[in-house]
């Protein structure tokens, strides 16, 4: 995919506000956050060959806690 390929997505105002807050907290811009989320999503689907919605994203700390329970 070319770097300049674009996809237009409509967001509910509440989600857009949440995205803006995330960007403020992380110091990242919206395209970077959205691109990272999509890359993670695509990686999981390619690996698992399926996806179940709703999708949940967990932090590294939460993942480590889950791994300790195994």
PDB file of N, CA and C in Angstrom:
ATOM      1  N   UNK A   1       0.839  -1.177   0.000  1.00  0.00           N
ATOM      2  CA  UNK A   1       0.000   0.000   0.000  1.00  0.00           C
ATOM      3  C   UNK A   1       0.883   1.238   0.000  1.00  0.00           C
ATOM      4  N   UNK A   2       0.531   2.185  -0.836  1.00  0.00           N
ATOM      5  CA  UNK A   2       1.271   3.430  -0.871  1.00  0.00           C
ATOM      6  C   UNK A   2       1.083   4.175   0.440  1.00  0.00           C
ATOM      7  N   UNK A   3       2.114   4.910   0.829  1.00  0.00           N
ATOM      8  CA  UNK A   3       2.037   5.675   2.064  1.00  0.00           C
ATOM      9  C   UNK A   3       0.912   6.691   2.028  1.00  0.00           C
ATOM     10  N   UNK A   4       0.580   7.200   0.849  1.00  0.00           N
ATOM     11  CA  UNK A   4      -0.434   8.233   0.767  1.00  0.00           C
ATOM     12  C   UNK A   4      -1.837   7.698   0.512  1.00  0.00           C
ATOM     13  N   UNK A   5      -2.042   6.385   0.612  1.00  0.00           N
ATOM     14  CA  UNK A   5      -3.392   5.844   0.486  1.00  0.00           C
ATOM     15  C   UNK A   5      -4.234   6.338   1.643  1.00  0.00           C
ATOM     16  N   UNK A   6      -5.468   6.679   1.358  1.00  0.00           N
ATOM     17  CA  UNK A   6      -6.336   7.238   2.386  1.00  0.00           C
ATOM     18  C   UNK A   6      -7.623   6.440   2.505  1.00  0.00           C
ATOM     19  N   UNK A   7      -8.117   6.380   3.714  1.00  0.00           N
ATOM     20  CA  UNK A   7      -9.427   5.807   3.996  1.00  0.00           C
ATOM     21  C   UNK A   7     -10.174   6.844   4.831  1.00  0.00           C
ATOM     22  N   UNK A   8     -11.375   7.158   4.437  1.00  0.00           N
ATOM     23  CA  UNK A   8     -12.184   8.100   5.193  1.00  0.00           C
ATOM     24  C   UNK A   8     -13.096   7.314   6.120  1.00  0.00           C
ATOM     25  N   UNK A   9     -13.079   7.682   7.385  1.00  0.00           N
ATOM     26  CA  UNK A   9     -13.895   6.995   8.388  1.00  0.00           C
ATOM     27  C   UNK A   9     -14.689   8.037   9.157  1.00  0.00           C
ATOM     28  N   UNK A  10     -15.961   7.802   9.312  1.00  0.00           N
ATOM     29  CA  UNK A  10     -16.797   8.692  10.118  1.00  0.00           C
ATOM     30  C   UNK A  10     -16.834   8.163  11.550  1.00  0.00           C
ATOM     31  N   UNK A  11     -16.622   9.060  12.491  1.00  0.00           N
ATOM     32  CA  UNK A  11     -16.627   8.688  13.904  1.00  0.00           C
ATOM     33  C   UNK A  11     -17.734   9.436  14.631  1.00  0.00           C
ATOM     34  N   UNK A  12     -18.400   8.764  15.563  1.00  0.00           N
ATOM     35  CA  UNK A  12     -19.327   9.502  16.417  1.00  0.00           C
ATOM     36  C   UNK A  12     -18.532  10.556  17.197  1.00  0.00           C
ATOM     37  N   UNK A  13     -19.161  11.662  17.501  1.00  0.00           N
ATOM     38  CA  UNK A  13     -18.474  12.753  18.174  1.00  0.00           C
ATOM     39  C   UNK A  13     -17.824  12.304  19.483  1.00  0.00           C
ATOM     40  N   UNK A  14     -18.492  11.427  20.227  1.00  0.00           N
ATOM     41  CA  UNK A  14     -17.933  10.959  21.502  1.00  0.00           C
ATOM     42  C   UNK A  14     -16.623  10.202  21.280  1.00  0.00           C
ATOM     43  N   UNK A  15     -16.579   9.360  20.255  1.00  0.00           N
ATOM     44  CA  UNK A  15     -15.349   8.606  19.972  1.00  0.00           C
ATOM     45  C   UNK A  15     -14.255   9.545  19.494  1.00  0.00           C
ATOM     46  N   UNK A  16     -14.605  10.534  18.704  1.00  0.00           N
ATOM     47  CA  UNK A  16     -13.614  11.508  18.234  1.00  0.00           C
ATOM     48  C   UNK A  16     -13.005  12.263  19.416  1.00  0.00           C
ATOM     49  N   UNK A  17     -13.836  12.625  20.377  1.00  0.00           N
ATOM     50  CA  UNK A  17     -13.346  13.313  21.581  1.00  0.00           C
ATOM     51  C   UNK A  17     -12.405  12.417  22.368  1.00  0.00           C
ATOM     52  N   UNK A  18     -12.759  11.138  22.475  1.00  0.00           N
ATOM     53  CA  UNK A  18     -11.901  10.179  23.183  1.00  0.00           C
ATOM     54  C   UNK A  18     -10.559  10.031  22.474  1.00  0.00           C
ATOM     55  N   UNK A  19     -10.596   9.974  21.141  1.00  0.00           N
ATOM     56  CA  UNK A  19      -9.364   9.878  20.364  1.00  0.00           C
ATOM     57  C   UNK A  19      -8.482  11.106  20.587  1.00  0.00           C
ATOM     58  N   UNK A  20      -9.082  12.274  20.604  1.00  0.00           N
ATOM     59  CA  UNK A  20      -8.323  13.498  20.865  1.00  0.00           C
ATOM     60  C   UNK A  20      -7.665  13.453  22.243  1.00  0.00           C
ATOM     61  N   UNK A  21      -8.376  12.942  23.240  1.00  0.00           N
ATOM     62  CA  UNK A  21      -7.816  12.823  24.594  1.00  0.00           C
ATOM     63  C   UNK A  21      -6.638  11.853  24.612  1.00  0.00           C
ATOM     64  N   UNK A  22      -6.783  10.732  23.912  1.00  0.00           N
ATOM     65  CA  UNK A  22      -5.690   9.755  23.832  1.00  0.00           C
ATOM     66  C   UNK A  22      -4.465  10.403  23.198  1.00  0.00           C
ATOM     67  N   UNK A  23      -4.673  11.175  22.167  1.00  0.00           N
ATOM     68  CA  UNK A  23      -3.558  11.839  21.496  1.00  0.00           C
ATOM     69  C   UNK A  23      -2.872  12.834  22.428  1.00  0.00           C
ATOM     70  N   UNK A  24      -3.649  13.549  23.213  1.00  0.00           N
ATOM     71  CA  UNK A  24      -3.068  14.477  24.177  1.00  0.00           C
ATOM     72  C   UNK A  24      -2.248  13.719  25.225  1.00  0.00           C
ATOM     73  N   UNK A  25      -2.793  12.598  25.714  1.00  0.00           N
ATOM     74  CA  UNK A  25      -2.102  11.812  26.736  1.00  0.00           C
ATOM     75  C   UNK A  25      -0.808  11.200  26.224  1.00  0.00           C
ATOM     76  N   UNK A  26      -0.813  10.730  24.989  1.00  0.00           N
ATOM     77  CA  UNK A  26       0.341  10.020  24.447  1.00  0.00           C
ATOM     78  C   UNK A  26       1.323  10.920  23.709  1.00  0.00           C
ATOM     79  N   UNK A  27       0.848  12.093  23.301  1.00  0.00           N
ATOM     80  CA  UNK A  27       1.696  12.969  22.500  1.00  0.00           C
ATOM     81  C   UNK A  27       1.784  12.539  21.047  1.00  0.00           C
ATOM     82  N   UNK A  28       0.951  11.592  20.651  1.00  0.00           N
ATOM     83  CA  UNK A  28       0.931  11.103  19.271  1.00  0.00           C
ATOM     84  C   UNK A  28      -0.185  11.785  18.507  1.00  0.00           C
ATOM     85  N   UNK A  29      -0.022  11.890  17.190  1.00  0.00           N
ATOM     86  CA  UNK A  29      -1.099  12.478  16.401  1.00  0.00           C
ATOM     87  C   UNK A  29      -2.124  11.406  16.024  1.00  0.00           C
ATOM     88  N   UNK A  30      -3.291  11.856  15.585  1.00  0.00           N
ATOM     89  CA  UNK A  30      -4.378  10.927  15.265  1.00  0.00           C
ATOM     90  C   UNK A  30      -4.006   9.888  14.215  1.00  0.00           C
ATOM     91  N   UNK A  31      -3.386  10.276  13.091  1.00  0.00           N
ATOM     92  CA  UNK A  31      -3.028   9.255  12.098  1.00  0.00           C
ATOM     93  C   UNK A  31      -2.111   8.170  12.663  1.00  0.00           C
ATOM     94  N   UNK A  32      -1.177   8.547  13.532  1.00  0.00           N
ATOM     95  CA  UNK A  32      -0.257   7.562  14.115  1.00  0.00           C
ATOM     96  C   UNK A  32      -1.010   6.581  15.004  1.00  0.00           C
ATOM     97  N   UNK A  33      -1.910   7.087  15.838  1.00  0.00           N
ATOM     98  CA  UNK A  33      -2.685   6.225  16.729  1.00  0.00           C
ATOM     99  C   UNK A  33      -3.577   5.290  15.923  1.00  0.00           C
ATOM    100  N   UNK A  34      -4.284   5.846  14.955  1.00  0.00           N
ATOM    101  CA  UNK A  34      -5.199   5.035  14.146  1.00  0.00           C
ATOM    102  C   UNK A  34      -4.439   3.990  13.343  1.00  0.00           C
ATOM    103  N   UNK A  35      -3.313   4.383  12.750  1.00  0.00           N
ATOM    104  CA  UNK A  35      -2.502   3.441  11.970  1.00  0.00           C
ATOM    105  C   UNK A  35      -1.982   2.306  12.849  1.00  0.00           C
ATOM    106  N   UNK A  36      -1.517   2.617  14.057  1.00  0.00           N
ATOM    107  CA  UNK A  36      -1.009   1.591  14.970  1.00  0.00           C
ATOM    108  C   UNK A  36      -2.116   0.616  15.358  1.00  0.00           C
ATOM    109  N   UNK A  37      -3.306   1.136  15.609  1.00  0.00           N
ATOM    110  CA  UNK A  37      -4.433   0.265  15.956  1.00  0.00           C
ATOM    111  C   UNK A  37      -4.792  -0.667  14.795  1.00  0.00           C
ATOM    112  N   UNK A  38      -4.835  -0.124  13.591  1.00  0.00           N
ATOM    113  CA  UNK A  38      -5.154  -0.946  12.428  1.00  0.00           C
ATOM    114  C   UNK A  38      -4.076  -1.988  12.153  1.00  0.00           C
ATOM    115  N   UNK A  39      -2.817  -1.609  12.320  1.00  0.00           N
ATOM    116  CA  UNK A  39      -1.728  -2.576  12.127  1.00  0.00           C
ATOM    117  C   UNK A  39      -1.843  -3.724  13.125  1.00  0.00           C
ATOM    118  N   UNK A  40      -2.135  -3.421  14.381  1.00  0.00           N
ATOM    119  CA  UNK A  40      -2.293  -4.467  15.397  1.00  0.00           C
ATOM    120  C   UNK A  40      -3.474  -5.357  15.054  1.00  0.00           C
ATOM    121  N   UNK A  41      -4.573  -4.770  14.619  1.00  0.00           N
ATOM    122  CA  UNK A  41      -5.761  -5.529  14.237  1.00  0.00           C
ATOM    123  C   UNK A  41      -5.458  -6.484  13.089  1.00  0.00           C
ATOM    124  N   UNK A  42      -4.816  -5.966  12.049  1.00  0.00           N
ATOM    125  CA  UNK A  42      -4.483  -6.789  10.880  1.00  0.00           C
ATOM    126  C   UNK A  42      -3.533  -7.926  11.277  1.00  0.00           C
ATOM    127  N   UNK A  43      -2.555  -7.651  12.123  1.00  0.00           N
ATOM    128  CA  UNK A  43      -1.619  -8.693  12.568  1.00  0.00           C
ATOM    129  C   UNK A  43      -2.349  -9.828  13.277  1.00  0.00           C
ATOM    130  N   UNK A  44      -3.304  -9.483  14.138  1.00  0.00           N
ATOM    131  CA  UNK A  44      -4.056 -10.507  14.866  1.00  0.00           C
ATOM    132  C   UNK A  44      -4.905 -11.329  13.919  1.00  0.00           C
ATOM    133  N   UNK A  45      -5.586 -10.673  13.000  1.00  0.00           N
ATOM    134  CA  UNK A  45      -6.442 -11.405  12.055  1.00  0.00           C
ATOM    135  C   UNK A  45      -5.605 -12.328  11.190  1.00  0.00           C
ATOM    136  N   UNK A  46      -4.456 -11.862  10.719  1.00  0.00           N
ATOM    137  CA  UNK A  46      -3.588 -12.712   9.900  1.00  0.00           C
ATOM    138  C   UNK A  46      -3.084 -13.910  10.688  1.00  0.00           C
ATOM    139  N   UNK A  47      -2.753 -13.707  11.944  1.00  0.00           N
ATOM    140  CA  UNK A  47      -2.232 -14.789  12.786  1.00  0.00           C
ATOM    141  C   UNK A  47      -3.327 -15.783  13.166  1.00  0.00           C
ATOM    142  N   UNK A  48      -4.464 -15.273  13.595  1.00  0.00           N
ATOM    143  CA  UNK A  48      -5.533 -16.124  14.111  1.00  0.00           C
ATOM    144  C   UNK A  48      -6.485 -16.632  13.026  1.00  0.00           C
ATOM    145  N   UNK A  49      -6.444 -16.018  11.858  1.00  0.00           N
ATOM    146  CA  UNK A  49      -7.325 -16.356  10.730  1.00  0.00           C
ATOM    147  C   UNK A  49      -8.802 -16.103  11.038  1.00  0.00           C
ATOM    148  N   UNK A  50      -9.065 -15.297  12.056  1.00  0.00           N
ATOM    149  CA  UNK A  50     -10.431 -14.916  12.395  1.00  0.00           C
ATOM    150  C   UNK A  50     -10.377 -13.734  13.360  1.00  0.00           C
ATOM    151  N   UNK A  51     -11.508 -13.158  13.600  1.00  0.00           N
ATOM    152  CA  UNK A  51     -11.606 -12.098  14.591  1.00  0.00           C
ATOM    153  C   UNK A  51     -13.004 -12.144  15.189  1.00  0.00           C
ATOM    154  N   UNK A  52     -13.075 -11.824  16.438  1.00  0.00           N
ATOM    155  CA  UNK A  52     -14.370 -11.761  17.106  1.00  0.00           C
ATOM    156  C   UNK A  52     -14.568 -10.362  17.633  1.00  0.00           C
ATOM    157  N   UNK A  53     -15.719  -9.820  17.333  1.00  0.00           N
ATOM    158  CA  UNK A  53     -16.043  -8.474  17.785  1.00  0.00           C
ATOM    159  C   UNK A  53     -17.086  -8.557  18.893  1.00  0.00           C
ATOM    160  N   UNK A  54     -17.068  -7.690  19.865  1.00  0.00           N
ATOM    161  CA  UNK A  54     -16.190  -6.542  19.971  1.00  0.00           C
ATOM    162  C   UNK A  54     -14.767  -6.954  20.309  1.00  0.00           C
ATOM    163  N   UNK A  55     -13.846  -6.152  19.875  1.00  0.00           N
ATOM    164  CA  UNK A  55     -12.428  -6.385  20.059  1.00  0.00           C
ATOM    165  C   UNK A  55     -11.955  -5.648  21.302  1.00  0.00           C
ATOM    166  N   UNK A  56     -11.096  -6.272  22.080  1.00  0.00           N
ATOM    167  CA  UNK A  56     -10.552  -5.623  23.273  1.00  0.00           C
ATOM    168  C   UNK A  56      -9.039  -5.522  23.144  1.00  0.00           C
ATOM    169  N   UNK A  57      -8.513  -4.404  23.551  1.00  0.00           N
ATOM    170  CA  UNK A  57      -7.068  -4.202  23.582  1.00  0.00           C
ATOM    171  C   UNK A  57      -6.674  -4.089  25.040  1.00  0.00           C
ATOM    172  N   UNK A  58      -5.644  -4.844  25.442  1.00  0.00           N
ATOM    173  CA  UNK A  58      -5.210  -4.785  26.830  1.00  0.00           C
ATOM    174  C   UNK A  58      -3.785  -4.256  26.901  1.00  0.00           C
ATOM    175  N   UNK A  59      -3.442  -3.720  28.050  1.00  0.00           N
ATOM    176  CA  UNK A  59      -2.109  -3.156  28.234  1.00  0.00           C
ATOM    177  C   UNK A  59      -1.086  -4.269  28.424  1.00  0.00           C
ATOM    178  N   UNK A  60       0.179  -3.933  28.312  1.00  0.00           N
ATOM    179  CA  UNK A  60       1.245  -4.910  28.553  1.00  0.00           C
ATOM    180  C   UNK A  60       1.182  -5.424  29.980  1.00  0.00           C
ATOM    181  N   UNK A  61       0.884  -4.540  30.932  1.00  0.00           N
ATOM    182  CA  UNK A  61       0.789  -4.952  32.336  1.00  0.00           C
ATOM    183  C   UNK A  61      -0.325  -5.977  32.519  1.00  0.00           C
ATOM    184  N   UNK A  62      -1.471  -5.750  31.881  1.00  0.00           N
ATOM    185  CA  UNK A  62      -2.570  -6.717  31.966  1.00  0.00           C
ATOM    186  C   UNK A  62      -2.185  -8.038  31.311  1.00  0.00           C
ATOM    187  N   UNK A  63      -1.490  -7.974  30.199  1.00  0.00           N
ATOM    188  CA  UNK A  63      -1.054  -9.179  29.507  1.00  0.00           C
ATOM    189  C   UNK A  63      -0.088  -9.973  30.379  1.00  0.00           C
ATOM    190  N   UNK A  64       0.836  -9.293  31.035  1.00  0.00           N
ATOM    191  CA  UNK A  64       1.776  -9.974  31.927  1.00  0.00           C
ATOM    192  C   UNK A  64       1.046 -10.648  33.074  1.00  0.00           C
ATOM    193  N   UNK A  65       0.028 -10.005  33.613  1.00  0.00           N
ATOM    194  CA  UNK A  65      -0.759 -10.613  34.680  1.00  0.00           C
ATOM    195  C   UNK A  65      -1.443 -11.874  34.193  1.00  0.00           C
ATOM    196  N   UNK A  66      -1.988 -11.837  33.000  1.00  0.00           N
ATOM    197  CA  UNK A  66      -2.633 -13.017  32.434  1.00  0.00           C
ATOM    198  C   UNK A  66      -1.639 -14.151  32.209  1.00  0.00           C
ATOM    199  N   UNK A  67      -0.437 -13.804  31.753  1.00  0.00           N
ATOM    200  CA  UNK A  67       0.573 -14.825  31.503  1.00  0.00           C
ATOM    201  C   UNK A  67       1.023 -15.485  32.799  1.00  0.00           C
ATOM    202  N   UNK A  68       1.028 -14.734  33.904  1.00  0.00           N
ATOM    203  CA  UNK A  68       1.409 -15.302  35.205  1.00  0.00           C
ATOM    204  C   UNK A  68       0.363 -16.278  35.732  1.00  0.00           C
ATOM    205  N   UNK A  69      -0.878 -16.147  35.273  1.00  0.00           N
ATOM    206  CA  UNK A  69      -1.947 -17.034  35.714  1.00  0.00           C
ATOM    207  C   UNK A  69      -1.886 -18.397  35.033  1.00  0.00           C
ATOM    208  N   UNK A  70      -1.137 -18.486  33.968  1.00  0.00           N
ATOM    209  CA  UNK A  70      -1.061 -19.763  33.225  1.00  0.00           C
ATOM    210  C   UNK A  70      -0.290 -20.794  33.994  1.00  0.00           C
TER     211      UNK A  70
END
